[in-house]
PDB file of N, CA and C in Angstrom:
ATOM      1  N   MET A   1       0.850  -1.200   0.000  1.00  0.00           N
ATOM      2  CA  MET A   1       0.000   0.000   0.000  1.00  0.00           C
ATOM      3  C   MET A   1       0.881   1.244   0.000  1.00  0.00           C
ATOM      4  N   SER A   2       0.454   2.237  -0.689  1.00  0.00           N
ATOM      5  CA  SER A   2       1.217   3.472  -0.862  1.00  0.00           C
ATOM      6  C   SER A   2       1.162   4.340   0.399  1.00  0.00           C
ATOM      7  N   ASP A   3       2.218   5.123   0.607  1.00  0.00           N
ATOM      8  CA  ASP A   3       2.237   6.079   1.720  1.00  0.00           C
ATOM      9  C   ASP A   3       1.627   7.410   1.319  1.00  0.00           C
ATOM     10  N   ASP A   4       1.355   7.582   0.031  1.00  0.00           N
ATOM     11  CA  ASP A   4       0.785   8.829  -0.475  1.00  0.00           C
ATOM     12  C   ASP A   4      -0.700   8.897  -0.109  1.00  0.00           C
ATOM     13  N   PRO A   5      -1.115   9.895   0.678  1.00  0.00           N
ATOM     14  CA  PRO A   5      -2.522   9.987   1.094  1.00  0.00           C
ATOM     15  C   PRO A   5      -3.498  10.073  -0.085  1.00  0.00           C
ATOM     16  N   LEU A   6      -3.114  10.787  -1.130  1.00  0.00           N
ATOM     17  CA  LEU A   6      -3.999  10.921  -2.284  1.00  0.00           C
ATOM     18  C   LEU A   6      -4.176   9.585  -2.990  1.00  0.00           C
ATOM     19  N   GLN A   7      -3.109   8.826  -3.105  1.00  0.00           N
ATOM     20  CA  GLN A   7      -3.186   7.514  -3.739  1.00  0.00           C
ATOM     21  C   GLN A   7      -4.019   6.553  -2.892  1.00  0.00           C
ATOM     22  N   ARG A   8      -3.866   6.618  -1.567  1.00  0.00           N
ATOM     23  CA  ARG A   8      -4.675   5.764  -0.678  1.00  0.00           C
ATOM     24  C   ARG A   8      -6.153   6.086  -0.821  1.00  0.00           C
ATOM     25  N   LEU A   9      -6.487   7.370  -0.932  1.00  0.00           N
ATOM     26  CA  LEU A   9      -7.874   7.774  -1.132  1.00  0.00           C
ATOM     27  C   LEU A   9      -8.404   7.272  -2.462  1.00  0.00           C
ATOM     28  N   ALA A  10      -7.605   7.429  -3.512  1.00  0.00           N
ATOM     29  CA  ALA A  10      -8.014   6.959  -4.837  1.00  0.00           C
ATOM     30  C   ALA A  10      -8.229   5.453  -4.832  1.00  0.00           C
ATOM     31  N   ASP A  11      -7.355   4.703  -4.164  1.00  0.00           N
ATOM     32  CA  ASP A  11      -7.506   3.252  -4.063  1.00  0.00           C
ATOM     33  C   ASP A  11      -8.777   2.884  -3.306  1.00  0.00           C
ATOM     34  N   ALA A  12      -9.088   3.654  -2.260  1.00  0.00           N
ATOM     35  CA  ALA A  12     -10.250   3.346  -1.425  1.00  0.00           C
ATOM     36  C   ALA A  12     -11.560   3.550  -2.168  1.00  0.00           C
ATOM     37  N   VAL A  13     -11.617   4.513  -3.051  1.00  0.00           N
ATOM     38  CA  VAL A  13     -12.876   4.808  -3.742  1.00  0.00           C
ATOM     39  C   VAL A  13     -12.921   4.265  -5.169  1.00  0.00           C
ATOM     40  N   ALA A  14     -11.906   3.535  -5.565  1.00  0.00           N
ATOM     41  CA  ALA A  14     -11.812   3.048  -6.943  1.00  0.00           C
ATOM     42  C   ALA A  14     -12.983   2.157  -7.331  1.00  0.00           C
ATOM     43  N   GLU A  15     -13.492   1.371  -6.408  1.00  0.00           N
ATOM     44  CA  GLU A  15     -14.549   0.425  -6.735  1.00  0.00           C
ATOM     45  C   GLU A  15     -15.904   0.804  -6.142  1.00  0.00           C
ATOM     46  N   VAL A  16     -16.038   2.021  -5.661  1.00  0.00           N
ATOM     47  CA  VAL A  16     -17.299   2.485  -5.088  1.00  0.00           C
ATOM     48  C   VAL A  16     -18.227   2.907  -6.218  1.00  0.00           C
ATOM     49  N   THR A  17     -19.463   2.403  -6.190  1.00  0.00           N
ATOM     50  CA  THR A  17     -20.432   2.787  -7.218  1.00  0.00           C
ATOM     51  C   THR A  17     -21.041   4.140  -6.884  1.00  0.00           C
ATOM     52  N   GLU A  18     -21.690   4.737  -7.859  1.00  0.00           N
ATOM     53  CA  GLU A  18     -22.341   6.028  -7.637  1.00  0.00           C
ATOM     54  C   GLU A  18     -23.426   5.910  -6.573  1.00  0.00           C
ATOM     55  N   GLU A  19     -24.160   4.793  -6.581  1.00  0.00           N
ATOM     56  CA  GLU A  19     -25.218   4.582  -5.597  1.00  0.00           C
ATOM     57  C   GLU A  19     -24.642   4.466  -4.186  1.00  0.00           C
ATOM     58  N   GLU A  20     -23.510   3.765  -4.059  1.00  0.00           N
ATOM     59  CA  GLU A  20     -22.867   3.640  -2.747  1.00  0.00           C
ATOM     60  C   GLU A  20     -22.364   4.991  -2.253  1.00  0.00           C
ATOM     61  N   ALA A  21     -21.787   5.768  -3.160  1.00  0.00           N
ATOM     62  CA  ALA A  21     -21.294   7.096  -2.794  1.00  0.00           C
ATOM     63  C   ALA A  21     -22.454   7.993  -2.370  1.00  0.00           C
ATOM     64  N   ALA A  22     -23.569   7.935  -3.102  1.00  0.00           N
ATOM     65  CA  ALA A  22     -24.741   8.748  -2.755  1.00  0.00           C
ATOM     66  C   ALA A  22     -25.289   8.342  -1.392  1.00  0.00           C
ATOM     67  N   ALA A  23     -25.325   7.022  -1.111  1.00  0.00           N
ATOM     68  CA  ALA A  23     -25.817   6.548   0.183  1.00  0.00           C
ATOM     69  C   ALA A  23     -24.906   7.020   1.316  1.00  0.00           C
ATOM     70  N   LEU A  24     -23.609   6.964   1.100  1.00  0.00           N
ATOM     71  CA  LEU A  24     -22.663   7.419   2.111  1.00  0.00           C
ATOM     72  C   LEU A  24     -22.804   8.914   2.368  1.00  0.00           C
ATOM     73  N   LEU A  25     -22.890   9.688   1.297  1.00  0.00           N
ATOM     74  CA  LEU A  25     -23.036  11.137   1.459  1.00  0.00           C
ATOM     75  C   LEU A  25     -24.355  11.496   2.133  1.00  0.00           C
ATOM     76  N   SER A  26     -25.415  10.749   1.808  1.00  0.00           N
ATOM     77  CA  SER A  26     -26.708  10.984   2.468  1.00  0.00           C
ATOM     78  C   SER A  26     -26.605  10.689   3.950  1.00  0.00           C
ATOM     79  N   ALA A  27     -25.917   9.609   4.299  1.00  0.00           N
ATOM     80  CA  ALA A  27     -25.742   9.250   5.702  1.00  0.00           C
ATOM     81  C   ALA A  27     -24.935  10.317   6.445  1.00  0.00           C
ATOM     82  N   LEU A  28     -24.050  10.985   5.739  1.00  0.00           N
ATOM     83  CA  LEU A  28     -23.247  12.049   6.345  1.00  0.00           C
ATOM     84  C   LEU A  28     -23.973  13.387   6.364  1.00  0.00           C
ATOM     85  N   GLY A  29     -25.156  13.453   5.754  1.00  0.00           N
ATOM     86  CA  GLY A  29     -25.938  14.681   5.772  1.00  0.00           C
ATOM     87  C   GLY A  29     -25.742  15.583   4.584  1.00  0.00           C
ATOM     88  N   VAL A  30     -25.090  15.109   3.553  1.00  0.00           N
ATOM     89  CA  VAL A  30     -24.888  15.906   2.344  1.00  0.00           C
ATOM     90  C   VAL A  30     -26.090  15.704   1.439  1.00  0.00           C
ATOM     91  N   ARG A  31     -26.690  16.792   1.025  1.00  0.00           N
ATOM     92  CA  ARG A  31     -27.868  16.698   0.158  1.00  0.00           C
ATOM     93  C   ARG A  31     -27.476  16.891  -1.287  1.00  0.00           C
ATOM     94  N   ARG A  32     -28.086  16.110  -2.139  1.00  0.00           N
ATOM     95  CA  ARG A  32     -27.852  16.219  -3.580  1.00  0.00           C
ATOM     96  C   ARG A  32     -29.051  16.928  -4.180  1.00  0.00           C
ATOM     97  N   GLU A  33     -28.802  18.080  -4.749  1.00  0.00           N
ATOM     98  CA  GLU A  33     -29.883  18.851  -5.344  1.00  0.00           C
ATOM     99  C   GLU A  33     -29.909  18.585  -6.833  1.00  0.00           C
ATOM    100  N   LYS A  34     -30.910  17.850  -7.273  1.00  0.00           N
ATOM    101  CA  LYS A  34     -31.026  17.517  -8.691  1.00  0.00           C
ATOM    102  C   LYS A  34     -31.561  18.709  -9.465  1.00  0.00           C
ATOM    103  N   GLY A  35     -31.105  18.839 -10.673  1.00  0.00           N
ATOM    104  CA  GLY A  35     -31.592  19.894 -11.544  1.00  0.00           C
ATOM    105  C   GLY A  35     -30.992  21.255 -11.268  1.00  0.00           C
ATOM    106  N   ARG A  36     -30.091  21.322 -10.324  1.00  0.00           N
ATOM    107  CA  ARG A  36     -29.475  22.610  -9.995  1.00  0.00           C
ATOM    108  C   ARG A  36     -28.241  22.797 -10.862  1.00  0.00           C
ATOM    109  N   SER A  37     -28.226  23.856 -11.596  1.00  0.00           N
ATOM    110  CA  SER A  37     -27.079  24.125 -12.453  1.00  0.00           C
ATOM    111  C   SER A  37     -25.970  24.775 -11.630  1.00  0.00           C
ATOM    112  N   ALA A  38     -24.775  24.633 -12.118  1.00  0.00           N
ATOM    113  CA  ALA A  38     -23.633  25.243 -11.441  1.00  0.00           C
ATOM    114  C   ALA A  38     -23.766  26.762 -11.534  1.00  0.00           C
ATOM    115  N   GLN A  39     -23.591  27.407 -10.409  1.00  0.00           N
ATOM    116  CA  GLN A  39     -23.716  28.857 -10.373  1.00  0.00           C
ATOM    117  C   GLN A  39     -22.346  29.461 -10.094  1.00  0.00           C
ATOM    118  N   ALA A  40     -22.085  30.566 -10.738  1.00  0.00           N
ATOM    119  CA  ALA A  40     -20.822  31.266 -10.508  1.00  0.00           C
ATOM    120  C   ALA A  40     -20.874  31.936  -9.142  1.00  0.00           C
ATOM    121  N   LEU A  41     -19.784  31.856  -8.427  1.00  0.00           N
ATOM    122  CA  LEU A  41     -19.702  32.509  -7.131  1.00  0.00           C
ATOM    123  C   LEU A  41     -19.556  34.006  -7.340  1.00  0.00           C
ATOM    124  N   PRO A  42     -20.103  34.801  -6.436  1.00  0.00           N
ATOM    125  CA  PRO A  42     -19.958  36.249  -6.598  1.00  0.00           C
ATOM    126  C   PRO A  42     -18.484  36.639  -6.485  1.00  0.00           C
ATOM    127  N   THR A  43     -18.082  37.566  -7.312  1.00  0.00           N
ATOM    128  CA  THR A  43     -16.693  38.019  -7.307  1.00  0.00           C
ATOM    129  C   THR A  43     -16.640  39.528  -7.161  1.00  0.00           C
ATOM    130  N   THR A  44     -15.509  40.000  -6.740  1.00  0.00           N
ATOM    131  CA  THR A  44     -15.297  41.437  -6.642  1.00  0.00           C
ATOM    132  C   THR A  44     -14.945  41.949  -8.031  1.00  0.00           C
ATOM    133  N   PRO A  45     -15.654  42.964  -8.523  1.00  0.00           N
ATOM    134  CA  PRO A  45     -15.356  43.461  -9.871  1.00  0.00           C
ATOM    135  C   PRO A  45     -13.974  44.110  -9.922  1.00  0.00           C
ATOM    136  N   LEU A  46     -13.323  43.972 -11.065  1.00  0.00           N
ATOM    137  CA  LEU A  46     -12.032  44.614 -11.258  1.00  0.00           C
ATOM    138  C   LEU A  46     -12.228  46.104 -11.507  1.00  0.00           C
ATOM    139  N   PRO A  47     -11.272  46.906 -11.091  1.00  0.00           N
ATOM    140  CA  PRO A  47     -11.390  48.343 -11.362  1.00  0.00           C
ATOM    141  C   PRO A  47     -11.218  48.607 -12.855  1.00  0.00           C
ATOM    142  N   GLY A  48     -11.722  49.735 -13.298  1.00  0.00           N
ATOM    143  CA  GLY A  48     -11.577  50.113 -14.694  1.00  0.00           C
ATOM    144  C   GLY A  48     -10.118  50.348 -15.046  1.00  0.00           C
ATOM    145  N   PRO A  49      -9.790  50.367 -16.326  1.00  0.00           N
ATOM    146  CA  PRO A  49      -8.396  50.497 -16.748  1.00  0.00           C
ATOM    147  C   PRO A  49      -7.727  51.797 -16.316  1.00  0.00           C
ATOM    148  N   ALA A  50      -8.465  52.853 -16.134  1.00  0.00           N
ATOM    149  CA  ALA A  50      -7.857  54.142 -15.772  1.00  0.00           C
ATOM    150  C   ALA A  50      -8.256  54.580 -14.367  1.00  0.00           C
ATOM    151  N   SER A  51      -8.693  53.665 -13.508  1.00  0.00           N
ATOM    152  CA  SER A  51      -9.201  54.059 -12.201  1.00  0.00           C
ATOM    153  C   SER A  51      -8.108  54.506 -11.237  1.00  0.00           C
ATOM    154  N   SER A  52      -6.903  53.977 -11.366  1.00  0.00           N
ATOM    155  CA  SER A  52      -5.825  54.367 -10.467  1.00  0.00           C
ATOM    156  C   SER A  52      -4.514  54.386 -11.242  1.00  0.00           C
ATOM    157  N   SER A  53      -3.923  55.560 -11.358  1.00  0.00           N
ATOM    158  CA  SER A  53      -2.685  55.672 -12.123  1.00  0.00           C
ATOM    159  C   SER A  53      -1.486  55.158 -11.335  1.00  0.00           C
ATOM    160  N   GLY A  54      -1.614  54.951 -10.020  1.00  0.00           N
ATOM    161  CA  GLY A  54      -0.501  54.485  -9.199  1.00  0.00           C
ATOM    162  C   GLY A  54      -0.371  52.976  -9.163  1.00  0.00           C
ATOM    163  N   VAL A  55      -1.258  52.278  -9.824  1.00  0.00           N
ATOM    164  CA  VAL A  55      -1.229  50.821  -9.828  1.00  0.00           C
ATOM    165  C   VAL A  55      -0.722  50.319 -11.157  1.00  0.00           C
ATOM    166  N   ARG A  56       0.318  49.488 -11.112  1.00  0.00           N
ATOM    167  CA  ARG A  56       0.847  48.898 -12.351  1.00  0.00           C
ATOM    168  C   ARG A  56       0.210  47.548 -12.533  1.00  0.00           C
ATOM    169  N   SER A  57      -0.274  47.295 -13.717  1.00  0.00           N
ATOM    170  CA  SER A  57      -0.942  46.039 -13.990  1.00  0.00           C
ATOM    171  C   SER A  57      -0.379  45.411 -15.253  1.00  0.00           C
ATOM    172  N   GLU A  58      -0.277  44.092 -15.218  1.00  0.00           N
ATOM    173  CA  GLU A  58       0.175  43.348 -16.389  1.00  0.00           C
ATOM    174  C   GLU A  58      -1.010  42.912 -17.237  1.00  0.00           C
ATOM    175  N   VAL A  59      -2.186  43.336 -16.880  1.00  0.00           N
ATOM    176  CA  VAL A  59      -3.397  42.965 -17.608  1.00  0.00           C
ATOM    177  C   VAL A  59      -3.544  43.853 -18.819  1.00  0.00           C
ATOM    178  N   GLU A  60      -3.845  43.252 -19.946  1.00  0.00           N
ATOM    179  CA  GLU A  60      -4.085  44.024 -21.147  1.00  0.00           C
ATOM    180  C   GLU A  60      -5.598  44.260 -21.257  1.00  0.00           C
ATOM    181  N   TRP A  61      -5.983  45.506 -21.218  1.00  0.00           N
ATOM    182  CA  TRP A  61      -7.406  45.852 -21.308  1.00  0.00           C
ATOM    183  C   TRP A  61      -7.803  45.909 -22.769  1.00  0.00           C
ATOM    184  N   VAL A  62      -8.805  45.156 -23.103  1.00  0.00           N
ATOM    185  CA  VAL A  62      -9.267  45.130 -24.492  1.00  0.00           C
ATOM    186  C   VAL A  62     -10.714  45.544 -24.572  1.00  0.00           C
TER     187      VAL A  62
END
């Protein structure tokens, strides 16, 4: 058996079916919301290209 924690985890779940995983997650209290699309997390908007002349940016504004 590998000493790598990630490899041990991968080995442990290699033969787990989707139904078994869903049952385990349900037992742990994780809810599966069907039909829910992935939503973008709210982000802080970037300042405009000329908002601060004292800030140097490597971003090319197009």
